[in-house]
């Protein structure tokens, strides 16, 4: 359940950041649009890293449960 919750939180953050980047992309200021795109890319990378940590924690928990049996 923890992994699912973490993925939902990460997904919400990435969705929010991507939405902001898209809204910023419609402005006439290309520098601002590029900055928003870079921010969205960084958020996506962070989300991937967090998901990998969540997956690793889940695997560790499953291994601990298996060892306890």
PDB file of N, CA and C in Angstrom:
ATOM      1  N   UNK A   1       0.820  -1.193   0.000  1.00  0.00           N
ATOM      2  CA  UNK A   1       0.000   0.000   0.000  1.00  0.00           C
ATOM      3  C   UNK A   1       0.863   1.256   0.000  1.00  0.00           C
ATOM      4  N   UNK A   2       1.992   1.221   0.720  1.00  0.00           N
ATOM      5  CA  UNK A   2       2.865   2.382   0.781  1.00  0.00           C
ATOM      6  C   UNK A   2       3.395   2.773  -0.581  1.00  0.00           C
ATOM      7  N   UNK A   3       3.737   1.797  -1.379  1.00  0.00           N
ATOM      8  CA  UNK A   3       4.247   2.072  -2.715  1.00  0.00           C
ATOM      9  C   UNK A   3       3.177   2.730  -3.576  1.00  0.00           C
ATOM     10  N   UNK A   4       1.952   2.257  -3.427  1.00  0.00           N
ATOM     11  CA  UNK A   4       0.847   2.833  -4.199  1.00  0.00           C
ATOM     12  C   UNK A   4       0.613   4.279  -3.789  1.00  0.00           C
ATOM     13  N   UNK A   5       0.641   4.526  -2.482  1.00  0.00           N
ATOM     14  CA  UNK A   5       0.446   5.887  -1.990  1.00  0.00           C
ATOM     15  C   UNK A   5       1.565   6.787  -2.475  1.00  0.00           C
ATOM     16  N   UNK A   6       2.806   6.298  -2.402  1.00  0.00           N
ATOM     17  CA  UNK A   6       3.946   7.089  -2.871  1.00  0.00           C
ATOM     18  C   UNK A   6       3.837   7.394  -4.352  1.00  0.00           C
ATOM     19  N   UNK A   7       3.421   6.418  -5.123  1.00  0.00           N
ATOM     20  CA  UNK A   7       3.268   6.623  -6.563  1.00  0.00           C
ATOM     21  C   UNK A   7       2.176   7.648  -6.844  1.00  0.00           C
ATOM     22  N   UNK A   8       1.103   7.626  -6.059  1.00  0.00           N
ATOM     23  CA  UNK A   8       0.027   8.591  -6.255  1.00  0.00           C
ATOM     24  C   UNK A   8       0.508  10.005  -5.947  1.00  0.00           C
ATOM     25  N   UNK A   9       1.286  10.137  -4.881  1.00  0.00           N
ATOM     26  CA  UNK A   9       1.819  11.454  -4.520  1.00  0.00           C
ATOM     27  C   UNK A   9       2.765  11.947  -5.593  1.00  0.00           C
ATOM     28  N   UNK A  10       3.669  11.083  -6.027  1.00  0.00           N
ATOM     29  CA  UNK A  10       4.624  11.450  -7.072  1.00  0.00           C
ATOM     30  C   UNK A  10       3.885  11.811  -8.352  1.00  0.00           C
ATOM     31  N   UNK A  11       2.889  11.014  -8.718  1.00  0.00           N
ATOM     32  CA  UNK A  11       2.112  11.305  -9.919  1.00  0.00           C
ATOM     33  C   UNK A  11       1.419  12.645  -9.844  1.00  0.00           C
ATOM     34  N   UNK A  12       0.902  12.975  -8.672  1.00  0.00           N
ATOM     35  CA  UNK A  12       0.244  14.272  -8.496  1.00  0.00           C
ATOM     36  C   UNK A  12       1.214  15.425  -8.661  1.00  0.00           C
ATOM     37  N   UNK A  13       2.413  15.267  -8.113  1.00  0.00           N
ATOM     38  CA  UNK A  13       3.427  16.320  -8.223  1.00  0.00           C
ATOM     39  C   UNK A  13       3.837  16.502  -9.676  1.00  0.00           C
ATOM     40  N   UNK A  14       4.114  15.398 -10.356  1.00  0.00           N
ATOM     41  CA  UNK A  14       4.537  15.481 -11.754  1.00  0.00           C
ATOM     42  C   UNK A  14       3.417  16.065 -12.609  1.00  0.00           C
ATOM     43  N   UNK A  15       2.186  15.635 -12.379  1.00  0.00           N
ATOM     44  CA  UNK A  15       1.053  16.168 -13.144  1.00  0.00           C
ATOM     45  C   UNK A  15       0.898  17.665 -12.949  1.00  0.00           C
ATOM     46  N   UNK A  16       1.047  18.108 -11.722  1.00  0.00           N
ATOM     47  CA  UNK A  16       0.941  19.532 -11.417  1.00  0.00           C
ATOM     48  C   UNK A  16       2.054  20.320 -12.100  1.00  0.00           C
ATOM     49  N   UNK A  17       3.280  19.776 -12.027  1.00  0.00           N
ATOM     50  CA  UNK A  17       4.413  20.464 -12.641  1.00  0.00           C
ATOM     51  C   UNK A  17       4.261  20.497 -14.164  1.00  0.00           C
ATOM     52  N   UNK A  18       3.823  19.399 -14.743  1.00  0.00           N
ATOM     53  CA  UNK A  18       3.654  19.349 -16.191  1.00  0.00           C
ATOM     54  C   UNK A  18       2.559  20.305 -16.630  1.00  0.00           C
ATOM     55  N   UNK A  19       1.487  20.392 -15.856  1.00  0.00           N
ATOM     56  CA  UNK A  19       0.412  21.332 -16.170  1.00  0.00           C
ATOM     57  C   UNK A  19       0.907  22.765 -16.131  1.00  0.00           C
ATOM     58  N   UNK A  20       1.722  23.072 -15.147  1.00  0.00           N
ATOM     59  CA  UNK A  20       2.296  24.411 -15.054  1.00  0.00           C
ATOM     60  C   UNK A  20       3.207  24.696 -16.242  1.00  0.00           C
ATOM     61  N   UNK A  21       3.958  23.682 -16.640  1.00  0.00           N
ATOM     62  CA  UNK A  21       4.864  23.865 -17.779  1.00  0.00           C
ATOM     63  C   UNK A  21       4.070  24.096 -19.060  1.00  0.00           C
ATOM     64  N   UNK A  22       2.981  23.370 -19.229  1.00  0.00           N
ATOM     65  CA  UNK A  22       2.155  23.561 -20.424  1.00  0.00           C
ATOM     66  C   UNK A  22       1.527  24.945 -20.432  1.00  0.00           C
ATOM     67  N   UNK A  23       1.040  25.382 -19.293  1.00  0.00           N
ATOM     68  CA  UNK A  23       0.436  26.716 -19.208  1.00  0.00           C
ATOM     69  C   UNK A  23       1.487  27.785 -19.495  1.00  0.00           C
ATOM     70  N   UNK A  24       2.695  27.576 -18.975  1.00  0.00           N
ATOM     71  CA  UNK A  24       3.772  28.524 -19.214  1.00  0.00           C
ATOM     72  C   UNK A  24       4.198  28.536 -20.668  1.00  0.00           C
ATOM     73  N   UNK A  25       4.067  27.408 -21.353  1.00  0.00           N
ATOM     74  CA  UNK A  25       4.465  27.303 -22.749  1.00  0.00           C
ATOM     75  C   UNK A  25       3.609  28.139 -23.669  1.00  0.00           C
ATOM     76  N   UNK A  26       2.417  28.520 -23.228  1.00  0.00           N
ATOM     77  CA  UNK A  26       1.529  29.324 -24.063  1.00  0.00           C
ATOM     78  C   UNK A  26       1.858  30.809 -23.984  1.00  0.00           C
ATOM     79  N   UNK A  27       2.757  31.177 -23.074  1.00  0.00           N
ATOM     80  CA  UNK A  27       3.120  32.589 -22.956  1.00  0.00           C
ATOM     81  C   UNK A  27       4.027  32.987 -24.118  1.00  0.00           C
ATOM     82  N   UNK A  28       4.145  34.284 -24.333  1.00  0.00           N
ATOM     83  CA  UNK A  28       4.986  34.765 -25.419  1.00  0.00           C
ATOM     84  C   UNK A  28       6.459  34.814 -25.014  1.00  0.00           C
ATOM     85  N   UNK A  29       6.735  34.619 -23.743  1.00  0.00           N
ATOM     86  CA  UNK A  29       8.108  34.694 -23.262  1.00  0.00           C
ATOM     87  C   UNK A  29       8.756  33.313 -23.353  1.00  0.00           C
ATOM     88  N   UNK A  30       9.626  33.136 -24.351  1.00  0.00           N
ATOM     89  CA  UNK A  30      10.245  31.829 -24.581  1.00  0.00           C
ATOM     90  C   UNK A  30      11.159  31.419 -23.426  1.00  0.00           C
ATOM     91  N   UNK A  31      11.818  32.375 -22.802  1.00  0.00           N
ATOM     92  CA  UNK A  31      12.695  32.043 -21.684  1.00  0.00           C
ATOM     93  C   UNK A  31      11.894  31.439 -20.530  1.00  0.00           C
ATOM     94  N   UNK A  32      10.743  32.013 -20.256  1.00  0.00           N
ATOM     95  CA  UNK A  32       9.890  31.489 -19.185  1.00  0.00           C
ATOM     96  C   UNK A  32       9.393  30.094 -19.545  1.00  0.00           C
ATOM     97  N   UNK A  33       9.040  29.894 -20.788  1.00  0.00           N
ATOM     98  CA  UNK A  33       8.571  28.582 -21.235  1.00  0.00           C
ATOM     99  C   UNK A  33       9.684  27.551 -21.121  1.00  0.00           C
ATOM    100  N   UNK A  34      10.893  27.943 -21.497  1.00  0.00           N
ATOM    101  CA  UNK A  34      12.033  27.025 -21.395  1.00  0.00           C
ATOM    102  C   UNK A  34      12.330  26.688 -19.936  1.00  0.00           C
ATOM    103  N   UNK A  35      12.208  27.674 -19.056  1.00  0.00           N
ATOM    104  CA  UNK A  35      12.434  27.436 -17.631  1.00  0.00           C
ATOM    105  C   UNK A  35      11.386  26.476 -17.082  1.00  0.00           C
ATOM    106  N   UNK A  36      10.149  26.642 -17.496  1.00  0.00           N
ATOM    107  CA  UNK A  36       9.082  25.739 -17.043  1.00  0.00           C
ATOM    108  C   UNK A  36       9.317  24.328 -17.562  1.00  0.00           C
ATOM    109  N   UNK A  37       9.781  24.216 -18.785  1.00  0.00           N
ATOM    110  CA  UNK A  37      10.073  22.889 -19.344  1.00  0.00           C
ATOM    111  C   UNK A  37      11.199  22.219 -18.572  1.00  0.00           C
ATOM    112  N   UNK A  38      12.225  22.981 -18.251  1.00  0.00           N
ATOM    113  CA  UNK A  38      13.344  22.435 -17.472  1.00  0.00           C
ATOM    114  C   UNK A  38      12.857  22.010 -16.090  1.00  0.00           C
ATOM    115  N   UNK A  39      11.973  22.792 -15.498  1.00  0.00           N
ATOM    116  CA  UNK A  39      11.410  22.461 -14.186  1.00  0.00           C
ATOM    117  C   UNK A  39      10.605  21.163 -14.264  1.00  0.00           C
ATOM    118  N   UNK A  40       9.828  21.020 -15.309  1.00  0.00           N
ATOM    119  CA  UNK A  40       9.028  19.802 -15.489  1.00  0.00           C
ATOM    120  C   UNK A  40       9.934  18.598 -15.695  1.00  0.00           C
ATOM    121  N   UNK A  41      10.982  18.755 -16.466  1.00  0.00           N
ATOM    122  CA  UNK A  41      11.923  17.658 -16.699  1.00  0.00           C
ATOM    123  C   UNK A  41      12.598  17.247 -15.397  1.00  0.00           C
ATOM    124  N   UNK A  42      12.994  18.226 -14.595  1.00  0.00           N
ATOM    125  CA  UNK A  42      13.619  17.929 -13.307  1.00  0.00           C
ATOM    126  C   UNK A  42      12.631  17.221 -12.380  1.00  0.00           C
ATOM    127  N   UNK A  43      11.372  17.639 -12.394  1.00  0.00           N
ATOM    128  CA  UNK A  43      10.354  17.007 -11.555  1.00  0.00           C
ATOM    129  C   UNK A  43      10.118  15.562 -11.983  1.00  0.00           C
ATOM    130  N   UNK A  44      10.127  15.324 -13.283  1.00  0.00           N
ATOM    131  CA  UNK A  44       9.955  13.956 -13.775  1.00  0.00           C
ATOM    132  C   UNK A  44      11.119  13.068 -13.348  1.00  0.00           C
ATOM    133  N   UNK A  45      12.334  13.604 -13.402  1.00  0.00           N
ATOM    134  CA  UNK A  45      13.507  12.838 -12.981  1.00  0.00           C
ATOM    135  C   UNK A  45      13.415  12.529 -11.489  1.00  0.00           C
ATOM    136  N   UNK A  46      13.022  13.522 -10.704  1.00  0.00           N
ATOM    137  CA  UNK A  46      12.873  13.313  -9.264  1.00  0.00           C
ATOM    138  C   UNK A  46      11.798  12.257  -8.983  1.00  0.00           C
ATOM    139  N   UNK A  47      10.712  12.303  -9.736  1.00  0.00           N
ATOM    140  CA  UNK A  47       9.635  11.325  -9.567  1.00  0.00           C
ATOM    141  C   UNK A  47      10.135   9.913  -9.862  1.00  0.00           C
ATOM    142  N   UNK A  48      10.938   9.770 -10.902  1.00  0.00           N
ATOM    143  CA  UNK A  48      11.501   8.456 -11.239  1.00  0.00           C
ATOM    144  C   UNK A  48      12.400   7.949 -10.119  1.00  0.00           C
ATOM    145  N   UNK A  49      13.217   8.849  -9.562  1.00  0.00           N
ATOM    146  CA  UNK A  49      14.111   8.464  -8.469  1.00  0.00           C
ATOM    147  C   UNK A  49      13.314   8.040  -7.244  1.00  0.00           C
ATOM    148  N   UNK A  50      12.255   8.793  -6.936  1.00  0.00           N
ATOM    149  CA  UNK A  50      11.414   8.451  -5.791  1.00  0.00           C
ATOM    150  C   UNK A  50      10.707   7.117  -6.006  1.00  0.00           C
ATOM    151  N   UNK A  51      10.275   6.864  -7.219  1.00  0.00           N
ATOM    152  CA  UNK A  51       9.610   5.595  -7.517  1.00  0.00           C
ATOM    153  C   UNK A  51      10.587   4.437  -7.358  1.00  0.00           C
ATOM    154  N   UNK A  52      11.835   4.638  -7.794  1.00  0.00           N
ATOM    155  CA  UNK A  52      12.843   3.591  -7.635  1.00  0.00           C
ATOM    156  C   UNK A  52      13.096   3.311  -6.156  1.00  0.00           C
ATOM    157  N   UNK A  53      13.148   4.372  -5.332  1.00  0.00           N
ATOM    158  CA  UNK A  53      13.338   4.192  -3.893  1.00  0.00           C
ATOM    159  C   UNK A  53      12.143   3.457  -3.292  1.00  0.00           C
ATOM    160  N   UNK A  54      10.945   3.807  -3.730  1.00  0.00           N
ATOM    161  CA  UNK A  54       9.742   3.135  -3.229  1.00  0.00           C
ATOM    162  C   UNK A  54       9.748   1.664  -3.618  1.00  0.00           C
ATOM    163  N   UNK A  55      10.136   1.377  -4.845  1.00  0.00           N
ATOM    164  CA  UNK A  55      10.205  -0.012  -5.304  1.00  0.00           C
ATOM    165  C   UNK A  55      11.247  -0.798  -4.502  1.00  0.00           C
ATOM    166  N   UNK A  56      12.384  -0.173  -4.229  1.00  0.00           N
ATOM    167  CA  UNK A  56      13.435  -0.835  -3.462  1.00  0.00           C
ATOM    168  C   UNK A  56      12.966  -1.096  -2.030  1.00  0.00           C
ATOM    169  N   UNK A  57      12.280  -0.140  -1.439  1.00  0.00           N
ATOM    170  CA  UNK A  57      11.762  -0.327  -0.077  1.00  0.00           C
ATOM    171  C   UNK A  57      10.722  -1.437  -0.042  1.00  0.00           C
ATOM    172  N   UNK A  58       9.897  -1.508  -1.060  1.00  0.00           N
ATOM    173  CA  UNK A  58       8.884  -2.561  -1.128  1.00  0.00           C
ATOM    174  C   UNK A  58       9.555  -3.926  -1.235  1.00  0.00           C
ATOM    175  N   UNK A  59      10.575  -4.026  -2.074  1.00  0.00           N
ATOM    176  CA  UNK A  59      11.294  -5.286  -2.227  1.00  0.00           C
ATOM    177  C   UNK A  59      11.972  -5.689  -0.919  1.00  0.00           C
ATOM    178  N   UNK A  60      12.536  -4.718  -0.219  1.00  0.00           N
ATOM    179  CA  UNK A  60      13.191  -4.991   1.061  1.00  0.00           C
ATOM    180  C   UNK A  60      12.173  -5.493   2.083  1.00  0.00           C
ATOM    181  N   UNK A  61      11.001  -4.874   2.110  1.00  0.00           N
ATOM    182  CA  UNK A  61       9.944  -5.304   3.030  1.00  0.00           C
ATOM    183  C   UNK A  61       9.471  -6.710   2.707  1.00  0.00           C
ATOM    184  N   UNK A  62       9.314  -6.999   1.426  1.00  0.00           N
ATOM    185  CA  UNK A  62       8.889  -8.345   1.020  1.00  0.00           C
ATOM    186  C   UNK A  62       9.950  -9.381   1.406  1.00  0.00           C
ATOM    187  N   UNK A  63      11.224  -9.037   1.249  1.00  0.00           N
ATOM    188  CA  UNK A  63      12.300  -9.966   1.609  1.00  0.00           C
ATOM    189  C   UNK A  63      12.305 -10.196   3.122  1.00  0.00           C
ATOM    190  N   UNK A  64      12.068  -9.149   3.887  1.00  0.00           N
ATOM    191  CA  UNK A  64      12.030  -9.282   5.353  1.00  0.00           C
ATOM    192  C   UNK A  64      10.861 -10.170   5.773  1.00  0.00           C
ATOM    193  N   UNK A  65       9.722  -9.996   5.115  1.00  0.00           N
ATOM    194  CA  UNK A  65       8.558 -10.835   5.436  1.00  0.00           C
ATOM    195  C   UNK A  65       8.841 -12.300   5.089  1.00  0.00           C
ATOM    196  N   UNK A  66       9.481 -12.519   3.956  1.00  0.00           N
ATOM    197  CA  UNK A  66       9.801 -13.885   3.542  1.00  0.00           C
ATOM    198  C   UNK A  66      10.782 -14.536   4.515  1.00  0.00           C
ATOM    199  N   UNK A  67      11.731 -13.771   4.989  1.00  0.00           N
ATOM    200  CA  UNK A  67      12.727 -14.292   5.913  1.00  0.00           C
ATOM    201  C   UNK A  67      12.120 -14.588   7.280  1.00  0.00           C
ATOM    202  N   UNK A  68      11.061 -13.878   7.628  1.00  0.00           N
ATOM    203  CA  UNK A  68      10.418 -14.058   8.922  1.00  0.00           C
ATOM    204  C   UNK A  68       9.547 -15.305   8.964  1.00  0.00           C
ATOM    205  N   UNK A  69       9.233 -15.860   7.811  1.00  0.00           N
ATOM    206  CA  UNK A  69       8.347 -17.042   7.759  1.00  0.00           C
ATOM    207  C   UNK A  69       9.067 -18.294   8.174  1.00  0.00           C
TER     208      UNK A  69
END
